Amino acid sequence: MSGHGAPELTVDGSGARVAIVASSWHTEVMDGLIAGAQRALDDAGTTDVTLVRAPGSFELPLLVQAHARAGYDAVIALGVIIRGGTPHFEYVSAAATDGLTRVALDTGVPVGFGLLTCDTDQQALDRAGLPGSTEDKGREAVEAALGAWQVLRGVGLD
C-alpha cells in the first residue's frame, strides 16, 4: 500500500484563504478527491474556500499559479492521470508535477499535491477517498498545504 507510513497531521486552517483547483477528467475520482479536500478544510476550520475546475491536469500549474499570485494562502491541486498505451502519461505527469513544484517555489505559497498518477482506474479509485477507498489523497493534499502554511506563519514568512 502506497500510503503506508503516512503521518496523521492535525492542522489549523482557521483564517486561511484556500483555493482548490481540480481537474475535470475522471468525474468519480475527482468527486472523491474534492469531497476529501473539503472534509479536511472543514475539520481544519477553514471557511474561505474557492473551488475552480481546470480543463485537465496539464492546466493545473497555470491555474494554481494564478490563485497563488492572487493572494490565496494555500492552493490545493487535484487531478488524476491514468496510464494509457502512449507516452502521453509520462509527458503530462512530468509537466504537471514539475509545474506545481515550480509554482510553490516561485510564489512561496504552499501547494497541496493531490495529483494522482496511476496505472489503472482502480488505483485511482483506491486513493480517491470514496467509500471503500484505502486512501484519501484529497484530504492529504489539504493537510500538507495547511501544515506548510502553519510552518511559514510560525517563522514569520506569511
N, C-alpha and C. Protein backbone atom coordinates (compact mmCIF):
# COMPACT_ATOMS: atom_id res chain seq x y z
N MET A 1 0.85 -1.18 0.00
CA MET A 1 0.00 0.00 0.00
C MET A 1 0.89 1.23 0.00
N SER A 2 0.62 2.16 -0.90
CA SER A 2 1.47 3.34 -1.03
C SER A 2 1.32 4.30 0.13
N GLY A 3 0.21 4.27 0.86
CA GLY A 3 0.00 5.19 1.96
C GLY A 3 0.64 4.72 3.26
N HIS A 4 1.29 3.56 3.25
CA HIS A 4 1.91 3.03 4.46
C HIS A 4 2.94 4.01 5.00
N GLY A 5 2.82 4.34 6.27
CA GLY A 5 3.77 5.25 6.90
C GLY A 5 3.38 6.71 6.84
N ALA A 6 2.21 7.01 6.24
CA ALA A 6 1.78 8.41 6.15
C ALA A 6 1.48 8.96 7.54
N PRO A 7 1.89 10.20 7.81
CA PRO A 7 1.62 10.78 9.12
C PRO A 7 0.16 11.18 9.26
N GLU A 8 -0.31 11.22 10.48
CA GLU A 8 -1.62 11.79 10.75
C GLU A 8 -1.38 13.22 11.22
N LEU A 9 -1.75 14.16 10.38
CA LEU A 9 -1.49 15.57 10.67
C LEU A 9 -2.71 16.22 11.28
N THR A 10 -2.48 17.08 12.23
CA THR A 10 -3.54 17.92 12.78
C THR A 10 -3.18 19.35 12.40
N VAL A 11 -4.05 19.96 11.61
CA VAL A 11 -3.74 21.31 11.12
C VAL A 11 -4.86 22.26 11.49
N ASP A 12 -4.48 23.51 11.67
CA ASP A 12 -5.44 24.58 11.94
C ASP A 12 -5.43 25.51 10.74
N GLY A 13 -6.52 25.50 10.02
CA GLY A 13 -6.61 26.34 8.84
C GLY A 13 -7.52 27.53 9.04
N SER A 14 -7.88 27.82 10.30
CA SER A 14 -8.75 28.96 10.53
C SER A 14 -8.02 30.23 10.11
N GLY A 15 -8.71 31.05 9.37
CA GLY A 15 -8.13 32.29 8.87
C GLY A 15 -7.44 32.16 7.53
N ALA A 16 -7.27 30.92 7.04
CA ALA A 16 -6.60 30.72 5.76
C ALA A 16 -7.58 30.91 4.61
N ARG A 17 -7.10 31.50 3.56
CA ARG A 17 -7.85 31.63 2.31
C ARG A 17 -7.28 30.57 1.36
N VAL A 18 -8.12 29.59 0.98
CA VAL A 18 -7.64 28.43 0.24
C VAL A 18 -8.41 28.28 -1.07
N ALA A 19 -7.69 27.97 -2.13
CA ALA A 19 -8.30 27.63 -3.41
C ALA A 19 -8.06 26.15 -3.69
N ILE A 20 -9.09 25.48 -4.16
CA ILE A 20 -8.96 24.12 -4.68
C ILE A 20 -9.06 24.23 -6.19
N VAL A 21 -8.04 23.78 -6.89
CA VAL A 21 -8.05 23.75 -8.35
C VAL A 21 -8.09 22.29 -8.75
N ALA A 22 -9.20 21.88 -9.35
CA ALA A 22 -9.44 20.46 -9.61
C ALA A 22 -9.69 20.20 -11.09
N SER A 23 -9.02 19.19 -11.61
CA SER A 23 -9.19 18.78 -12.99
C SER A 23 -10.62 18.29 -13.23
N SER A 24 -11.02 18.31 -14.50
CA SER A 24 -12.37 17.89 -14.86
C SER A 24 -12.46 16.45 -15.35
N TRP A 25 -11.34 15.81 -15.62
CA TRP A 25 -11.35 14.43 -16.11
C TRP A 25 -11.61 13.44 -14.98
N HIS A 26 -12.17 12.28 -15.30
CA HIS A 26 -12.40 11.17 -14.35
C HIS A 26 -13.30 11.63 -13.19
N THR A 27 -14.54 11.89 -13.53
CA THR A 27 -15.50 12.52 -12.62
C THR A 27 -15.62 11.83 -11.28
N GLU A 28 -15.74 10.52 -11.25
CA GLU A 28 -15.94 9.82 -9.98
C GLU A 28 -14.74 10.02 -9.06
N VAL A 29 -13.55 9.87 -9.59
CA VAL A 29 -12.34 10.06 -8.79
C VAL A 29 -12.25 11.51 -8.33
N MET A 30 -12.49 12.44 -9.24
CA MET A 30 -12.40 13.86 -8.88
C MET A 30 -13.42 14.24 -7.82
N ASP A 31 -14.63 13.72 -7.93
CA ASP A 31 -15.65 14.00 -6.90
C ASP A 31 -15.16 13.54 -5.53
N GLY A 32 -14.50 12.38 -5.48
CA GLY A 32 -13.96 11.89 -4.22
C GLY A 32 -12.83 12.75 -3.69
N LEU A 33 -11.92 13.15 -4.57
CA LEU A 33 -10.80 14.00 -4.15
C LEU A 33 -11.29 15.35 -3.63
N ILE A 34 -12.24 15.94 -4.33
CA ILE A 34 -12.78 17.24 -3.90
C ILE A 34 -13.49 17.10 -2.56
N ALA A 35 -14.29 16.05 -2.40
CA ALA A 35 -15.00 15.85 -1.14
C ALA A 35 -14.02 15.63 0.01
N GLY A 36 -12.96 14.87 -0.23
CA GLY A 36 -11.95 14.67 0.81
C GLY A 36 -11.25 15.96 1.18
N ALA A 37 -10.94 16.76 0.18
CA ALA A 37 -10.31 18.06 0.44
C ALA A 37 -11.24 18.94 1.26
N GLN A 38 -12.50 18.97 0.88
CA GLN A 38 -13.46 19.81 1.60
C GLN A 38 -13.65 19.34 3.04
N ARG A 39 -13.68 18.02 3.24
CA ARG A 39 -13.79 17.49 4.62
C ARG A 39 -12.60 17.94 5.46
N ALA A 40 -11.41 17.87 4.88
CA ALA A 40 -10.21 18.28 5.61
C ALA A 40 -10.24 19.77 5.93
N LEU A 41 -10.69 20.57 4.98
CA LEU A 41 -10.79 22.01 5.22
C LEU A 41 -11.81 22.32 6.30
N ASP A 42 -12.93 21.63 6.27
CA ASP A 42 -13.95 21.80 7.32
C ASP A 42 -13.37 21.43 8.68
N ASP A 43 -12.69 20.29 8.74
CA ASP A 43 -12.10 19.83 10.01
C ASP A 43 -11.04 20.80 10.52
N ALA A 44 -10.36 21.49 9.60
CA ALA A 44 -9.30 22.43 9.98
C ALA A 44 -9.86 23.82 10.31
N GLY A 45 -11.16 24.01 10.13
CA GLY A 45 -11.76 25.30 10.43
C GLY A 45 -11.58 26.33 9.34
N THR A 46 -11.29 25.90 8.12
CA THR A 46 -11.10 26.81 7.00
C THR A 46 -12.45 27.10 6.36
N THR A 47 -12.83 28.37 6.33
CA THR A 47 -14.14 28.73 5.79
C THR A 47 -14.05 29.51 4.49
N ASP A 48 -12.91 30.11 4.19
CA ASP A 48 -12.74 30.90 2.97
C ASP A 48 -12.13 30.00 1.89
N VAL A 49 -13.00 29.28 1.16
CA VAL A 49 -12.57 28.28 0.20
C VAL A 49 -13.21 28.56 -1.16
N THR A 50 -12.40 28.53 -2.20
CA THR A 50 -12.86 28.70 -3.57
C THR A 50 -12.53 27.43 -4.35
N LEU A 51 -13.50 26.92 -5.10
CA LEU A 51 -13.28 25.76 -5.96
C LEU A 51 -13.30 26.21 -7.41
N VAL A 52 -12.25 25.83 -8.14
CA VAL A 52 -12.12 26.15 -9.55
C VAL A 52 -11.86 24.85 -10.30
N ARG A 53 -12.51 24.67 -11.44
CA ARG A 53 -12.29 23.48 -12.24
C ARG A 53 -11.33 23.79 -13.39
N ALA A 54 -10.33 22.96 -13.54
CA ALA A 54 -9.38 23.05 -14.65
C ALA A 54 -9.84 22.12 -15.76
N PRO A 55 -9.54 22.46 -17.01
CA PRO A 55 -9.91 21.55 -18.09
C PRO A 55 -9.28 20.16 -17.93
N GLY A 56 -8.03 20.11 -17.51
CA GLY A 56 -7.33 18.84 -17.32
C GLY A 56 -6.18 19.02 -16.37
N SER A 57 -5.41 17.97 -16.16
CA SER A 57 -4.28 18.04 -15.23
C SER A 57 -3.13 18.87 -15.77
N PHE A 58 -2.97 18.91 -17.08
CA PHE A 58 -1.89 19.70 -17.67
C PHE A 58 -2.06 21.19 -17.34
N GLU A 59 -3.29 21.64 -17.20
CA GLU A 59 -3.58 23.05 -16.93
C GLU A 59 -3.50 23.42 -15.45
N LEU A 60 -3.32 22.44 -14.58
CA LEU A 60 -3.27 22.73 -13.14
C LEU A 60 -2.20 23.75 -12.76
N PRO A 61 -0.95 23.61 -13.21
CA PRO A 61 0.07 24.57 -12.76
C PRO A 61 -0.28 26.03 -13.06
N LEU A 62 -0.78 26.30 -14.24
CA LEU A 62 -1.11 27.68 -14.60
C LEU A 62 -2.21 28.23 -13.70
N LEU A 63 -3.26 27.45 -13.47
CA LEU A 63 -4.37 27.93 -12.65
C LEU A 63 -4.00 28.00 -11.17
N VAL A 64 -3.17 27.07 -10.71
CA VAL A 64 -2.68 27.13 -9.33
C VAL A 64 -1.82 28.37 -9.15
N GLN A 65 -0.96 28.65 -10.12
CA GLN A 65 -0.11 29.84 -10.06
C GLN A 65 -0.95 31.12 -9.99
N ALA A 66 -1.99 31.20 -10.81
CA ALA A 66 -2.85 32.39 -10.81
C ALA A 66 -3.47 32.61 -9.44
N HIS A 67 -3.91 31.54 -8.80
CA HIS A 67 -4.51 31.68 -7.47
C HIS A 67 -3.48 31.99 -6.39
N ALA A 68 -2.29 31.42 -6.53
CA ALA A 68 -1.23 31.74 -5.57
C ALA A 68 -0.87 33.22 -5.67
N ARG A 69 -0.79 33.72 -6.88
CA ARG A 69 -0.45 35.14 -7.07
C ARG A 69 -1.60 36.07 -6.68
N ALA A 70 -2.82 35.54 -6.64
CA ALA A 70 -3.99 36.35 -6.29
C ALA A 70 -4.17 36.50 -4.78
N GLY A 71 -3.26 35.94 -4.00
CA GLY A 71 -3.30 36.17 -2.57
C GLY A 71 -3.86 35.03 -1.72
N TYR A 72 -4.09 33.88 -2.32
CA TYR A 72 -4.53 32.74 -1.52
C TYR A 72 -3.38 32.28 -0.64
N ASP A 73 -3.70 31.80 0.56
CA ASP A 73 -2.68 31.33 1.49
C ASP A 73 -2.16 29.95 1.13
N ALA A 74 -3.00 29.15 0.51
CA ALA A 74 -2.62 27.81 0.06
C ALA A 74 -3.51 27.47 -1.13
N VAL A 75 -2.98 26.65 -2.02
CA VAL A 75 -3.74 26.20 -3.18
C VAL A 75 -3.62 24.68 -3.25
N ILE A 76 -4.74 24.02 -3.40
CA ILE A 76 -4.79 22.56 -3.46
C ILE A 76 -4.99 22.16 -4.91
N ALA A 77 -4.05 21.40 -5.45
CA ALA A 77 -4.13 20.93 -6.83
C ALA A 77 -4.61 19.47 -6.83
N LEU A 78 -5.75 19.23 -7.48
CA LEU A 78 -6.32 17.89 -7.54
C LEU A 78 -6.48 17.46 -8.99
N GLY A 79 -6.03 16.28 -9.29
CA GLY A 79 -6.18 15.75 -10.63
C GLY A 79 -5.88 14.27 -10.66
N VAL A 80 -6.13 13.66 -11.81
CA VAL A 80 -5.82 12.24 -11.98
C VAL A 80 -5.41 12.01 -13.42
N ILE A 81 -4.31 11.28 -13.57
CA ILE A 81 -3.81 10.88 -14.87
C ILE A 81 -3.66 9.36 -14.84
N ILE A 82 -4.36 8.68 -15.75
CA ILE A 82 -4.32 7.22 -15.82
C ILE A 82 -3.41 6.83 -16.99
N ARG A 83 -2.49 5.90 -16.74
CA ARG A 83 -1.57 5.45 -17.78
C ARG A 83 -2.35 4.82 -18.92
N GLY A 84 -1.94 5.13 -20.10
CA GLY A 84 -2.53 4.53 -21.29
C GLY A 84 -1.46 3.84 -22.09
N GLY A 85 -1.71 3.64 -23.36
CA GLY A 85 -0.78 2.93 -24.20
C GLY A 85 0.19 3.82 -24.96
N THR A 86 0.22 5.11 -24.62
CA THR A 86 1.12 6.03 -25.31
C THR A 86 1.97 6.77 -24.27
N PRO A 87 3.00 7.49 -24.71
CA PRO A 87 3.84 8.24 -23.77
C PRO A 87 3.14 9.46 -23.17
N HIS A 88 1.91 9.74 -23.58
CA HIS A 88 1.16 10.88 -23.07
C HIS A 88 1.19 10.95 -21.55
N PHE A 89 1.04 9.82 -20.89
CA PHE A 89 1.03 9.75 -19.42
C PHE A 89 2.30 10.37 -18.84
N GLU A 90 3.45 9.96 -19.36
CA GLU A 90 4.72 10.46 -18.83
C GLU A 90 4.86 11.96 -19.04
N TYR A 91 4.48 12.43 -20.23
CA TYR A 91 4.63 13.86 -20.52
C TYR A 91 3.72 14.72 -19.64
N VAL A 92 2.48 14.35 -19.53
CA VAL A 92 1.53 15.15 -18.75
C VAL A 92 1.87 15.06 -17.26
N SER A 93 2.19 13.87 -16.78
CA SER A 93 2.54 13.71 -15.36
C SER A 93 3.76 14.54 -14.99
N ALA A 94 4.79 14.47 -15.81
CA ALA A 94 6.01 15.23 -15.52
C ALA A 94 5.77 16.73 -15.61
N ALA A 95 5.07 17.16 -16.64
CA ALA A 95 4.82 18.60 -16.81
C ALA A 95 3.99 19.14 -15.65
N ALA A 96 2.95 18.44 -15.27
CA ALA A 96 2.09 18.92 -14.18
C ALA A 96 2.83 18.91 -12.85
N THR A 97 3.56 17.84 -12.57
CA THR A 97 4.31 17.74 -11.32
C THR A 97 5.39 18.82 -11.23
N ASP A 98 6.17 18.94 -12.29
CA ASP A 98 7.23 19.96 -12.30
C ASP A 98 6.63 21.37 -12.20
N GLY A 99 5.53 21.60 -12.90
CA GLY A 99 4.90 22.90 -12.86
C GLY A 99 4.37 23.26 -11.48
N LEU A 100 3.75 22.30 -10.81
CA LEU A 100 3.22 22.57 -9.47
C LEU A 100 4.35 22.83 -8.48
N THR A 101 5.44 22.11 -8.61
CA THR A 101 6.60 22.35 -7.76
C THR A 101 7.14 23.76 -8.00
N ARG A 102 7.24 24.13 -9.25
CA ARG A 102 7.75 25.46 -9.57
C ARG A 102 6.85 26.56 -9.01
N VAL A 103 5.54 26.36 -9.09
CA VAL A 103 4.62 27.37 -8.55
C VAL A 103 4.88 27.57 -7.06
N ALA A 104 4.99 26.49 -6.32
CA ALA A 104 5.22 26.61 -4.88
C ALA A 104 6.53 27.33 -4.59
N LEU A 105 7.58 26.96 -5.29
CA LEU A 105 8.89 27.58 -5.05
C LEU A 105 8.93 29.03 -5.51
N ASP A 106 8.32 29.32 -6.65
CA ASP A 106 8.37 30.69 -7.19
C ASP A 106 7.50 31.66 -6.41
N THR A 107 6.37 31.19 -5.88
CA THR A 107 5.43 32.09 -5.19
C THR A 107 5.57 32.06 -3.67
N GLY A 108 6.13 30.98 -3.12
CA GLY A 108 6.19 30.83 -1.67
C GLY A 108 4.85 30.45 -1.07
N VAL A 109 3.89 30.09 -1.91
CA VAL A 109 2.56 29.68 -1.43
C VAL A 109 2.52 28.16 -1.43
N PRO A 110 2.13 27.54 -0.30
CA PRO A 110 2.03 26.08 -0.26
C PRO A 110 1.03 25.55 -1.29
N VAL A 111 1.46 24.53 -2.00
CA VAL A 111 0.61 23.86 -2.98
C VAL A 111 0.39 22.44 -2.49
N GLY A 112 -0.86 22.09 -2.23
CA GLY A 112 -1.20 20.73 -1.84
C GLY A 112 -1.21 19.85 -3.08
N PHE A 113 -0.39 18.81 -3.09
CA PHE A 113 -0.22 17.96 -4.26
C PHE A 113 -1.18 16.79 -4.19
N GLY A 114 -2.30 16.93 -4.88
CA GLY A 114 -3.30 15.87 -4.95
C GLY A 114 -3.47 15.38 -6.37
N LEU A 115 -2.38 15.26 -7.09
CA LEU A 115 -2.41 14.78 -8.47
C LEU A 115 -2.09 13.29 -8.45
N LEU A 116 -3.08 12.47 -8.75
CA LEU A 116 -2.88 11.03 -8.79
C LEU A 116 -2.31 10.64 -10.14
N THR A 117 -1.25 9.87 -10.14
CA THR A 117 -0.68 9.33 -11.37
C THR A 117 -0.70 7.82 -11.20
N CYS A 118 -1.66 7.19 -11.86
CA CYS A 118 -1.95 5.78 -11.61
C CYS A 118 -1.87 4.95 -12.88
N ASP A 119 -1.59 3.68 -12.69
CA ASP A 119 -1.56 2.76 -13.82
C ASP A 119 -2.97 2.33 -14.25
N THR A 120 -3.90 2.29 -13.29
CA THR A 120 -5.25 1.79 -13.59
C THR A 120 -6.32 2.67 -12.95
N ASP A 121 -7.52 2.55 -13.47
CA ASP A 121 -8.66 3.24 -12.86
C ASP A 121 -8.84 2.80 -11.41
N GLN A 122 -8.65 1.52 -11.12
CA GLN A 122 -8.84 1.02 -9.76
C GLN A 122 -7.86 1.65 -8.78
N GLN A 123 -6.62 1.84 -9.20
CA GLN A 123 -5.66 2.50 -8.32
C GLN A 123 -6.12 3.91 -7.97
N ALA A 124 -6.68 4.62 -8.95
CA ALA A 124 -7.18 5.97 -8.70
C ALA A 124 -8.36 5.93 -7.74
N LEU A 125 -9.28 5.00 -7.95
CA LEU A 125 -10.44 4.87 -7.05
C LEU A 125 -9.99 4.52 -5.64
N ASP A 126 -8.95 3.71 -5.51
CA ASP A 126 -8.45 3.33 -4.19
C ASP A 126 -7.86 4.51 -3.42
N ARG A 127 -7.47 5.55 -4.12
CA ARG A 127 -6.83 6.72 -3.49
C ARG A 127 -7.74 7.94 -3.39
N ALA A 128 -8.96 7.81 -3.90
CA ALA A 128 -9.84 8.97 -4.08
C ALA A 128 -10.64 9.38 -2.85
N GLY A 129 -10.56 8.62 -1.76
CA GLY A 129 -11.32 9.00 -0.57
C GLY A 129 -12.79 8.66 -0.66
N LEU A 130 -13.14 7.78 -1.57
CA LEU A 130 -14.54 7.34 -1.73
C LEU A 130 -14.82 6.22 -0.74
N PRO A 131 -16.09 5.92 -0.48
CA PRO A 131 -16.38 4.75 0.35
C PRO A 131 -15.69 3.51 -0.26
N GLY A 132 -14.94 2.82 0.56
CA GLY A 132 -14.20 1.66 0.09
C GLY A 132 -12.77 1.96 -0.35
N SER A 133 -12.42 3.24 -0.49
CA SER A 133 -11.05 3.61 -0.84
C SER A 133 -10.13 3.34 0.34
N THR A 134 -8.88 3.02 0.04
CA THR A 134 -7.90 2.78 1.10
C THR A 134 -7.15 4.05 1.49
N GLU A 135 -7.24 5.09 0.65
CA GLU A 135 -6.55 6.35 0.92
C GLU A 135 -7.46 7.52 0.55
N ASP A 136 -7.14 8.68 1.11
CA ASP A 136 -7.90 9.90 0.83
C ASP A 136 -6.89 11.00 0.47
N LYS A 137 -6.48 11.00 -0.79
CA LYS A 137 -5.44 11.93 -1.23
C LYS A 137 -5.90 13.38 -1.27
N GLY A 138 -7.20 13.63 -1.41
CA GLY A 138 -7.70 15.00 -1.31
C GLY A 138 -7.47 15.55 0.08
N ARG A 139 -7.78 14.76 1.09
CA ARG A 139 -7.53 15.16 2.48
C ARG A 139 -6.04 15.36 2.72
N GLU A 140 -5.23 14.43 2.25
CA GLU A 140 -3.78 14.53 2.48
C GLU A 140 -3.19 15.78 1.84
N ALA A 141 -3.68 16.15 0.67
CA ALA A 141 -3.17 17.35 -0.01
C ALA A 141 -3.47 18.60 0.81
N VAL A 142 -4.67 18.67 1.37
CA VAL A 142 -5.04 19.81 2.21
C VAL A 142 -4.19 19.84 3.47
N GLU A 143 -4.05 18.71 4.13
CA GLU A 143 -3.27 18.67 5.36
C GLU A 143 -1.82 19.08 5.13
N ALA A 144 -1.25 18.66 4.01
CA ALA A 144 0.14 19.04 3.70
C ALA A 144 0.25 20.54 3.45
N ALA A 145 -0.67 21.08 2.66
CA ALA A 145 -0.60 22.51 2.35
C ALA A 145 -0.84 23.37 3.59
N LEU A 146 -1.83 23.03 4.37
CA LEU A 146 -2.10 23.81 5.59
C LEU A 146 -0.99 23.64 6.61
N GLY A 147 -0.40 22.44 6.67
CA GLY A 147 0.75 22.23 7.55
C GLY A 147 1.92 23.12 7.16
N ALA A 148 2.18 23.22 5.87
CA ALA A 148 3.26 24.11 5.40
C ALA A 148 2.91 25.57 5.68
N TRP A 149 1.65 25.95 5.47
CA TRP A 149 1.21 27.31 5.76
C TRP A 149 1.43 27.64 7.23
N GLN A 150 1.12 26.70 8.12
CA GLN A 150 1.34 26.92 9.55
C GLN A 150 2.82 27.14 9.85
N VAL A 151 3.68 26.34 9.25
CA VAL A 151 5.12 26.48 9.47
C VAL A 151 5.59 27.83 8.98
N LEU A 152 5.20 28.22 7.79
CA LEU A 152 5.60 29.51 7.24
C LEU A 152 5.13 30.68 8.12
N ARG A 153 3.92 30.58 8.64
CA ARG A 153 3.42 31.63 9.54
C ARG A 153 4.21 31.64 10.84
N GLY A 154 4.60 30.48 11.31
CA GLY A 154 5.34 30.38 12.56
C GLY A 154 6.71 30.99 12.52
N VAL A 155 7.29 31.07 11.33
CA VAL A 155 8.60 31.69 11.20
C VAL A 155 8.51 33.08 10.61
N GLY A 156 7.29 33.60 10.56
CA GLY A 156 7.08 34.98 10.11
C GLY A 156 7.18 35.17 8.61
N LEU A 157 6.90 34.15 7.85
CA LEU A 157 7.02 34.24 6.40
C LEU A 157 5.67 34.29 5.68
N ASP A 158 4.60 34.54 6.39
CA ASP A 158 3.30 34.58 5.69
C ASP A 158 3.01 35.92 5.08
